[in-house]
Amino acid sequence: MRVDLGKISAEATRWLAQPAEVPKFARRIFKAPVTDRYQTLLKSFEVCLWVLAVVAIGYCSVAYAGAAIHQHREKAMLNAMRGAAEPQPTANADASLVSSNGSASSLGNYGVLGAVEIPRLGISAVVEEGVDDSTLWEAVGHIPGTALPGQNGNAALAAHRDTYFSDLGDVEAGDLVIFRSPTTNYRFRVESTKIVDGGATDALPVSATPTLSLITCYPFHYVGSAPQRFIVTARAETASQ
């Protein structure tokens, strides 16, 4: 199907040239005759709103496209790192993942820490250090001061509810969560979920064993800055290459 841009442009120009119609409710309220000057002002206001809408849509499209390109590029870089890395021994089911500390600690040497995946929900996103606005727009953020995935302790990952963790509300106990580092796959099983106040400072569980916490704002469809946080807690299962 061919799109005739010339015809579309001509139709748009013709539509913009038409005089604006004064809404019936305005006529009833003001009970004044409609002048050409009033119609011109109304048309100018209408055109400004359309221009603003187009600019907003364009900005959002560019921003989302940039984030998608960043994710694709970082995943490709991560896969290249994994291909170049020396094979690591697979930990058996009863071995502590702390035995892979060398791999976990080395994550900080890369621009990307790894990727987090929840296969059942189709969640797959690159993880980077930090939770500032620019990081969270392009990736899932690792909260500084928490353990790295695969180390003993609680590794906390945060993302926006309308981007990389938009489907996190459908998670269920027992779901598999995978963290793919440049050298190792760390497997976790969802143990529980909870909703806490946004200002809570002790919401993350303390753990002596490898634990993963996934955090996003709640409610998921809240308009504006959401007042609560949705936290998923997953416990380590095994590590595999």
C-alpha atoms as a PDB file:
ATOM      1  CA  MET A   1       0.000   0.000   0.000  1.00  0.00           C
ATOM      2  CA  ARG A   2       1.551   3.296  -1.141  1.00  0.00           C
ATOM      3  CA  VAL A   3       1.173   6.396   0.995  1.00  0.00           C
ATOM      4  CA  ASP A   4       0.630   9.617  -0.984  1.00  0.00           C
ATOM      5  CA  LEU A   5       2.369  12.178   1.219  1.00  0.00           C
ATOM      6  CA  GLY A   6       1.462  15.010  -1.124  1.00  0.00           C
ATOM      7  CA  LYS A   7      -2.239  14.231  -0.811  1.00  0.00           C
ATOM      8  CA  ILE A   8      -1.986  13.915   2.974  1.00  0.00           C
ATOM      9  CA  SER A   9      -0.186  17.269   3.170  1.00  0.00           C
ATOM     10  CA  ALA A  10      -2.817  18.955   0.994  1.00  0.00           C
ATOM     11  CA  GLU A  11      -5.668  17.555   3.122  1.00  0.00           C
ATOM     12  CA  ALA A  12      -3.952  18.688   6.332  1.00  0.00           C
ATOM     13  CA  THR A  13      -3.435  22.193   4.916  1.00  0.00           C
ATOM     14  CA  ARG A  14      -7.074  22.378   3.815  1.00  0.00           C
ATOM     15  CA  TRP A  15      -8.254  21.269   7.265  1.00  0.00           C
ATOM     16  CA  LEU A  16      -6.080  23.814   9.062  1.00  0.00           C
ATOM     17  CA  ALA A  17      -7.391  26.579   6.823  1.00  0.00           C
ATOM     18  CA  GLN A  18     -11.003  25.916   7.821  1.00  0.00           C
ATOM     19  CA  PRO A  19     -12.494  28.282  10.396  1.00  0.00           C
ATOM     20  CA  ALA A  20     -12.781  26.842  13.856  1.00  0.00           C
ATOM     21  CA  GLU A  21     -16.243  26.057  15.114  1.00  0.00           C
ATOM     22  CA  VAL A  22     -17.198  27.579  18.434  1.00  0.00           C
ATOM     23  CA  PRO A  23     -18.450  24.871  20.818  1.00  0.00           C
ATOM     24  CA  LYS A  24     -22.171  25.023  21.583  1.00  0.00           C
ATOM     25  CA  PHE A  25     -21.564  25.222  25.334  1.00  0.00           C
ATOM     26  CA  ALA A  26     -19.441  28.367  24.808  1.00  0.00           C
ATOM     27  CA  ARG A  27     -22.222  29.998  22.811  1.00  0.00           C
ATOM     28  CA  ARG A  28     -24.726  29.255  25.567  1.00  0.00           C
ATOM     29  CA  ILE A  29     -22.413  30.591  28.281  1.00  0.00           C
ATOM     30  CA  PHE A  30     -21.251  33.817  26.649  1.00  0.00           C
ATOM     31  CA  LYS A  31     -24.351  34.466  24.491  1.00  0.00           C
ATOM     32  CA  ALA A  32     -22.302  36.694  22.236  1.00  0.00           C
ATOM     33  CA  PRO A  33     -21.983  36.777  18.460  1.00  0.00           C
ATOM     34  CA  VAL A  34     -19.098  34.817  17.042  1.00  0.00           C
ATOM     35  CA  THR A  35     -16.618  37.152  15.375  1.00  0.00           C
ATOM     36  CA  ASP A  36     -13.941  36.369  12.815  1.00  0.00           C
ATOM     37  CA  ARG A  37     -11.294  37.446  15.328  1.00  0.00           C
ATOM     38  CA  TYR A  38     -12.603  34.967  17.890  1.00  0.00           C
ATOM     39  CA  GLN A  39     -12.596  32.156  15.342  1.00  0.00           C
ATOM     40  CA  THR A  40      -9.030  33.017  14.307  1.00  0.00           C
ATOM     41  CA  LEU A  41      -7.850  32.900  17.915  1.00  0.00           C
ATOM     42  CA  LEU A  42      -9.637  29.610  18.444  1.00  0.00           C
ATOM     43  CA  LYS A  43      -8.042  28.103  15.335  1.00  0.00           C
ATOM     44  CA  SER A  44      -4.581  29.330  16.438  1.00  0.00           C
ATOM     45  CA  PHE A  45      -5.072  27.708  19.831  1.00  0.00           C
ATOM     46  CA  GLU A  46      -6.171  24.460  18.179  1.00  0.00           C
ATOM     47  CA  VAL A  47      -3.112  24.426  15.905  1.00  0.00           C
ATOM     48  CA  CYS A  48      -0.820  25.044  18.912  1.00  0.00           C
ATOM     49  CA  LEU A  49      -2.328  22.071  20.716  1.00  0.00           C
ATOM     50  CA  TRP A  50      -1.787  19.837  17.680  1.00  0.00           C
ATOM     51  CA  VAL A  51       1.819  20.993  17.360  1.00  0.00           C
ATOM     52  CA  LEU A  52       2.375  20.308  21.066  1.00  0.00           C
ATOM     53  CA  ALA A  53       0.872  16.817  20.694  1.00  0.00           C
ATOM     54  CA  VAL A  54       3.096  16.006  17.709  1.00  0.00           C
ATOM     55  CA  VAL A  55       6.214  17.245  19.541  1.00  0.00           C
ATOM     56  CA  ALA A  56       5.328  15.203  22.638  1.00  0.00           C
ATOM     57  CA  ILE A  57       4.731  12.045  20.600  1.00  0.00           C
ATOM     58  CA  GLY A  58       7.979  12.593  18.703  1.00  0.00           C
ATOM     59  CA  TYR A  59       9.963  13.113  21.897  1.00  0.00           C
ATOM     60  CA  CYS A  60       8.549   9.976  23.527  1.00  0.00           C
ATOM     61  CA  SER A  61       9.169   7.945  20.373  1.00  0.00           C
ATOM     62  CA  VAL A  62      12.801   9.044  20.197  1.00  0.00           C
ATOM     63  CA  ALA A  63      13.317   8.395  23.919  1.00  0.00           C
ATOM     64  CA  TYR A  64      11.819   4.898  23.826  1.00  0.00           C
ATOM     65  CA  ALA A  65      13.693   4.056  20.639  1.00  0.00           C
ATOM     66  CA  GLY A  66      16.954   5.202  22.241  1.00  0.00           C
ATOM     67  CA  ALA A  67      16.332   3.007  25.278  1.00  0.00           C
ATOM     68  CA  ALA A  68      15.541   0.003  23.055  1.00  0.00           C
ATOM     69  CA  ILE A  69      18.728   0.539  21.042  1.00  0.00           C
ATOM     70  CA  HIS A  70      20.735   0.805  24.262  1.00  0.00           C
ATOM     71  CA  GLN A  71      19.280  -2.489  25.522  1.00  0.00           C
ATOM     72  CA  HIS A  72      20.048  -4.243  22.235  1.00  0.00           C
ATOM     73  CA  ARG A  73      23.613  -2.924  22.156  1.00  0.00           C
ATOM     74  CA  GLU A  74      24.373  -3.811  25.771  1.00  0.00           C
ATOM     75  CA  LYS A  75      22.913  -7.315  25.396  1.00  0.00           C
ATOM     76  CA  ALA A  76      25.102  -7.867  22.343  1.00  0.00           C
ATOM     77  CA  MET A  77      28.126  -6.668  24.329  1.00  0.00           C
ATOM     78  CA  LEU A  78      27.202  -8.972  27.219  1.00  0.00           C
ATOM     79  CA  ASN A  79      26.890 -11.946  24.864  1.00  0.00           C
ATOM     80  CA  ALA A  80      30.298 -11.116  23.392  1.00  0.00           C
ATOM     81  CA  MET A  81      31.805 -11.030  26.900  1.00  0.00           C
ATOM     82  CA  ARG A  82      30.233 -14.386  27.710  1.00  0.00           C
ATOM     83  CA  GLY A  83      31.655 -15.875  24.527  1.00  0.00           C
ATOM     84  CA  ALA A  84      35.139 -14.632  25.347  1.00  0.00           C
ATOM     85  CA  ALA A  85      35.055 -15.640  29.027  1.00  0.00           C
ATOM     86  CA  GLU A  86      36.786 -18.777  30.282  1.00  0.00           C
ATOM     87  CA  PRO A  87      34.293 -21.563  31.097  1.00  0.00           C
ATOM     88  CA  GLN A  88      33.388 -21.628  34.802  1.00  0.00           C
ATOM     89  CA  PRO A  89      32.633 -24.825  36.736  1.00  0.00           C
ATOM     90  CA  THR A  90      28.979 -25.474  37.429  1.00  0.00           C
ATOM     91  CA  ALA A  91      28.004 -25.336  41.117  1.00  0.00           C
ATOM     92  CA  ASN A  92      26.058 -28.326  42.333  1.00  0.00           C
ATOM     93  CA  ALA A  93      22.693 -27.908  44.002  1.00  0.00           C
ATOM     94  CA  ASP A  94      23.998 -27.969  47.579  1.00  0.00           C
ATOM     95  CA  ALA A  95      27.037 -25.746  46.984  1.00  0.00           C
ATOM     96  CA  SER A  96      26.903 -22.123  48.090  1.00  0.00           C
ATOM     97  CA  LEU A  97      27.008 -19.628  45.250  1.00  0.00           C
ATOM     98  CA  VAL A  98      29.619 -17.722  47.213  1.00  0.00           C
ATOM     99  CA  SER A  99      32.058 -20.185  45.658  1.00  0.00           C
ATOM    100  CA  SER A 100      31.642 -18.117  42.478  1.00  0.00           C
ATOM    101  CA  ASN A 101      32.652 -14.892  44.240  1.00  0.00           C
ATOM    102  CA  GLY A 102      35.383 -14.307  41.692  1.00  0.00           C
ATOM    103  CA  SER A 103      32.825 -14.107  38.924  1.00  0.00           C
ATOM    104  CA  ALA A 104      30.420 -11.954  40.900  1.00  0.00           C
ATOM    105  CA  SER A 105      33.078  -9.505  42.019  1.00  0.00           C
ATOM    106  CA  SER A 106      34.375  -9.095  38.496  1.00  0.00           C
ATOM    107  CA  LEU A 107      31.029  -7.734  37.332  1.00  0.00           C
ATOM    108  CA  GLY A 108      32.105  -4.263  38.360  1.00  0.00           C
ATOM    109  CA  ASN A 109      34.815  -4.339  35.665  1.00  0.00           C
ATOM    110  CA  TYR A 110      32.172  -4.084  32.925  1.00  0.00           C
ATOM    111  CA  GLY A 111      29.898  -1.220  31.889  1.00  0.00           C
ATOM    112  CA  VAL A 112      26.954  -3.617  32.190  1.00  0.00           C
ATOM    113  CA  LEU A 113      26.574  -5.910  35.214  1.00  0.00           C
ATOM    114  CA  GLY A 114      24.481  -8.512  33.433  1.00  0.00           C
ATOM    115  CA  ALA A 115      20.882  -9.167  32.446  1.00  0.00           C
ATOM    116  CA  VAL A 116      17.869 -10.210  34.506  1.00  0.00           C
ATOM    117  CA  GLU A 117      15.217 -12.488  33.029  1.00  0.00           C
ATOM    118  CA  ILE A 118      11.906 -13.965  34.139  1.00  0.00           C
ATOM    119  CA  PRO A 119      11.138 -16.375  31.280  1.00  0.00           C
ATOM    120  CA  ARG A 120       7.473 -17.001  32.148  1.00  0.00           C
ATOM    121  CA  LEU A 121       6.684 -13.276  32.051  1.00  0.00           C
ATOM    122  CA  GLY A 122       8.878 -12.478  29.074  1.00  0.00           C
ATOM    123  CA  ILE A 123      10.952 -10.032  31.136  1.00  0.00           C
ATOM    124  CA  SER A 124      14.513  -9.590  29.883  1.00  0.00           C
ATOM    125  CA  ALA A 125      16.557  -6.457  30.530  1.00  0.00           C
ATOM    126  CA  VAL A 126      20.144  -5.344  30.955  1.00  0.00           C
ATOM    127  CA  VAL A 127      21.240  -4.446  34.492  1.00  0.00           C
ATOM    128  CA  GLU A 128      23.545  -1.505  35.180  1.00  0.00           C
ATOM    129  CA  GLU A 129      24.921   0.028  38.366  1.00  0.00           C
ATOM    130  CA  GLY A 130      22.922   2.867  39.949  1.00  0.00           C
ATOM    131  CA  VAL A 131      19.331   4.022  40.203  1.00  0.00           C
ATOM    132  CA  ASP A 132      19.556   7.573  38.860  1.00  0.00           C
ATOM    133  CA  ASP A 133      16.998   8.714  36.285  1.00  0.00           C
ATOM    134  CA  SER A 134      19.232   8.240  33.254  1.00  0.00           C
ATOM    135  CA  THR A 135      20.169   4.681  34.287  1.00  0.00           C
ATOM    136  CA  LEU A 136      16.605   3.605  35.047  1.00  0.00           C
ATOM    137  CA  TRP A 137      15.428   4.943  31.700  1.00  0.00           C
ATOM    138  CA  GLU A 138      17.845   2.709  29.793  1.00  0.00           C
ATOM    139  CA  ALA A 139      18.177  -0.332  32.073  1.00  0.00           C
ATOM    140  CA  VAL A 140      17.302  -2.085  35.299  1.00  0.00           C
ATOM    141  CA  GLY A 141      19.391  -0.505  38.067  1.00  0.00           C
ATOM    142  CA  HIS A 142      21.414  -2.295  40.731  1.00  0.00           C
ATOM    143  CA  ILE A 143      20.970  -0.440  44.036  1.00  0.00           C
ATOM    144  CA  PRO A 144      24.423   0.623  45.283  1.00  0.00           C
ATOM    145  CA  GLY A 145      25.413  -0.842  48.655  1.00  0.00           C
ATOM    146  CA  THR A 146      23.522  -4.092  48.131  1.00  0.00           C
ATOM    147  CA  ALA A 147      25.215  -7.379  47.247  1.00  0.00           C
ATOM    148  CA  LEU A 148      25.994  -8.256  43.649  1.00  0.00           C
ATOM    149  CA  PRO A 149      23.865 -11.101  42.248  1.00  0.00           C
ATOM    150  CA  GLY A 150      25.555 -14.395  43.115  1.00  0.00           C
ATOM    151  CA  GLN A 151      27.223 -13.126  46.285  1.00  0.00           C
ATOM    152  CA  ASN A 152      25.998 -13.806  49.803  1.00  0.00           C
ATOM    153  CA  GLY A 153      23.503 -11.124  50.769  1.00  0.00           C
ATOM    154  CA  ASN A 154      20.540  -9.407  49.174  1.00  0.00           C
ATOM    155  CA  ALA A 155      21.091  -8.045  45.665  1.00  0.00           C
ATOM    156  CA  ALA A 156      18.451  -5.380  44.945  1.00  0.00           C
ATOM    157  CA  LEU A 157      17.423  -4.467  41.392  1.00  0.00           C
ATOM    158  CA  ALA A 158      14.992  -1.640  40.596  1.00  0.00           C
ATOM    159  CA  ALA A 159      13.148  -0.578  37.435  1.00  0.00           C
ATOM    160  CA  HIS A 160      10.161   1.527  36.419  1.00  0.00           C
ATOM    161  CA  ARG A 161       6.697  -0.038  36.500  1.00  0.00           C
ATOM    162  CA  ASP A 162       5.979   1.226  32.982  1.00  0.00           C
ATOM    163  CA  THR A 163       9.176  -0.017  31.326  1.00  0.00           C
ATOM    164  CA  TYR A 164      11.290  -3.083  32.166  1.00  0.00           C
ATOM    165  CA  PHE A 165       9.208  -4.254  35.158  1.00  0.00           C
ATOM    166  CA  SER A 166       5.788  -3.496  33.672  1.00  0.00           C
ATOM    167  CA  ASP A 167       4.754  -7.182  33.911  1.00  0.00           C
ATOM    168  CA  LEU A 168       6.257  -7.812  37.337  1.00  0.00           C
ATOM    169  CA  GLY A 169       2.826  -7.667  38.967  1.00  0.00           C
ATOM    170  CA  ASP A 170       1.991 -11.041  37.372  1.00  0.00           C
ATOM    171  CA  VAL A 171       4.874 -12.834  39.075  1.00  0.00           C
ATOM    172  CA  GLU A 172       4.065 -15.926  41.126  1.00  0.00           C
ATOM    173  CA  ALA A 173       5.834 -17.895  43.833  1.00  0.00           C
ATOM    174  CA  GLY A 174       8.074 -20.493  42.210  1.00  0.00           C
ATOM    175  CA  ASP A 175       8.783 -18.453  39.072  1.00  0.00           C
ATOM    176  CA  LEU A 176      12.335 -18.770  37.780  1.00  0.00           C
ATOM    177  CA  VAL A 177      14.488 -15.629  37.770  1.00  0.00           C
ATOM    178  CA  ILE A 178      17.833 -15.741  35.962  1.00  0.00           C
ATOM    179  CA  PHE A 179      20.652 -13.268  36.315  1.00  0.00           C
ATOM    180  CA  ARG A 180      23.135 -13.633  33.464  1.00  0.00           C
ATOM    181  CA  SER A 181      26.548 -12.203  34.320  1.00  0.00           C
ATOM    182  CA  PRO A 182      29.388 -12.044  31.771  1.00  0.00           C
ATOM    183  CA  THR A 183      30.572 -15.430  33.047  1.00  0.00           C
ATOM    184  CA  THR A 184      27.777 -17.282  34.860  1.00  0.00           C
ATOM    185  CA  ASN A 185      24.014 -17.788  35.007  1.00  0.00           C
ATOM    186  CA  TYR A 186      22.598 -17.370  38.523  1.00  0.00           C
ATOM    187  CA  ARG A 187      19.206 -18.986  39.068  1.00  0.00           C
ATOM    188  CA  PHE A 188      16.693 -17.840  41.677  1.00  0.00           C
ATOM    189  CA  ARG A 189      13.173 -18.941  42.586  1.00  0.00           C
ATOM    190  CA  VAL A 190      10.530 -16.409  43.601  1.00  0.00           C
ATOM    191  CA  GLU A 191       9.703 -16.928  47.245  1.00  0.00           C
ATOM    192  CA  SER A 192       7.338 -14.055  48.058  1.00  0.00           C
ATOM    193  CA  THR A 193       6.025 -10.617  47.109  1.00  0.00           C
ATOM    194  CA  LYS A 194       5.013  -7.681  49.271  1.00  0.00           C
ATOM    195  CA  ILE A 195       3.820  -4.098  49.024  1.00  0.00           C
ATOM    196  CA  VAL A 196       5.411  -1.462  51.248  1.00  0.00           C
ATOM    197  CA  ASP A 197       5.212   2.275  51.729  1.00  0.00           C
ATOM    198  CA  GLY A 198       7.421   4.239  49.360  1.00  0.00           C
ATOM    199  CA  GLY A 199       9.358   5.765  52.239  1.00  0.00           C
ATOM    200  CA  ALA A 200      10.117   2.478  54.005  1.00  0.00           C
ATOM    201  CA  THR A 201      13.831   2.164  54.771  1.00  0.00           C
ATOM    202  CA  ASP A 202      13.835  -1.417  56.077  1.00  0.00           C
ATOM    203  CA  ALA A 203      11.750  -3.081  53.360  1.00  0.00           C
ATOM    204  CA  LEU A 204      14.483  -5.322  51.942  1.00  0.00           C
ATOM    205  CA  PRO A 205      14.970  -8.620  53.786  1.00  0.00           C
ATOM    206  CA  VAL A 206      18.385  -9.233  55.343  1.00  0.00           C
ATOM    207  CA  SER A 207      19.927 -12.444  54.039  1.00  0.00           C
ATOM    208  CA  ALA A 208      23.141 -14.354  54.676  1.00  0.00           C
ATOM    209  CA  THR A 209      22.672 -16.392  51.492  1.00  0.00           C
ATOM    210  CA  PRO A 210      22.384 -15.229  47.866  1.00  0.00           C
ATOM    211  CA  THR A 211      19.035 -13.459  47.489  1.00  0.00           C
ATOM    212  CA  LEU A 212      17.578 -11.282  44.753  1.00  0.00           C
ATOM    213  CA  SER A 213      15.035  -8.491  45.334  1.00  0.00           C
ATOM    214  CA  LEU A 214      13.195  -6.917  42.395  1.00  0.00           C
ATOM    215  CA  ILE A 215      11.641  -3.524  43.155  1.00  0.00           C
ATOM    216  CA  THR A 216       9.257  -1.281  41.279  1.00  0.00           C
ATOM    217  CA  CYS A 217       6.633   1.369  42.051  1.00  0.00           C
ATOM    218  CA  TYR A 218       3.081   0.422  43.006  1.00  0.00           C
ATOM    219  CA  PRO A 219       0.202   0.545  42.071  1.00  0.00           C
ATOM    220  CA  PHE A 220       1.222  -0.375  38.531  1.00  0.00           C
ATOM    221  CA  HIS A 221      -1.441   1.765  36.822  1.00  0.00           C
ATOM    222  CA  TYR A 222      -1.218   4.710  39.208  1.00  0.00           C
ATOM    223  CA  VAL A 223      -1.145   8.115  37.506  1.00  0.00           C
ATOM    224  CA  GLY A 224       1.766  10.194  38.772  1.00  0.00           C
ATOM    225  CA  SER A 225       4.363   9.329  41.377  1.00  0.00           C
ATOM    226  CA  ALA A 226       3.239   6.038  42.935  1.00  0.00           C
ATOM    227  CA  PRO A 227       3.156   6.058  46.761  1.00  0.00           C
ATOM    228  CA  GLN A 228       4.151   2.419  47.344  1.00  0.00           C
ATOM    229  CA  ARG A 229       6.738  -0.158  46.263  1.00  0.00           C
ATOM    230  CA  PHE A 230       6.224  -3.703  44.996  1.00  0.00           C
ATOM    231  CA  ILE A 231       9.028  -6.047  46.084  1.00  0.00           C
ATOM    232  CA  VAL A 232       9.690  -9.554  44.793  1.00  0.00           C
ATOM    233  CA  THR A 233      12.045 -11.751  46.847  1.00  0.00           C
ATOM    234  CA  ALA A 234      13.785 -14.690  45.159  1.00  0.00           C
ATOM    235  CA  ARG A 235      16.238 -17.181  46.685  1.00  0.00           C
ATOM    236  CA  ALA A 236      19.259 -18.737  44.985  1.00  0.00           C
ATOM    237  CA  GLU A 237      18.821 -22.119  43.368  1.00  0.00           C
ATOM    238  CA  THR A 238      21.982 -23.130  41.498  1.00  0.00           C
ATOM    239  CA  ALA A 239      24.559 -21.585  39.254  1.00  0.00           C
ATOM    240  CA  SER A 240      25.181 -22.838  35.730  1.00  0.00           C
ATOM    241  CA  GLN A 241      27.253 -21.908  32.702  1.00  0.00           C
END
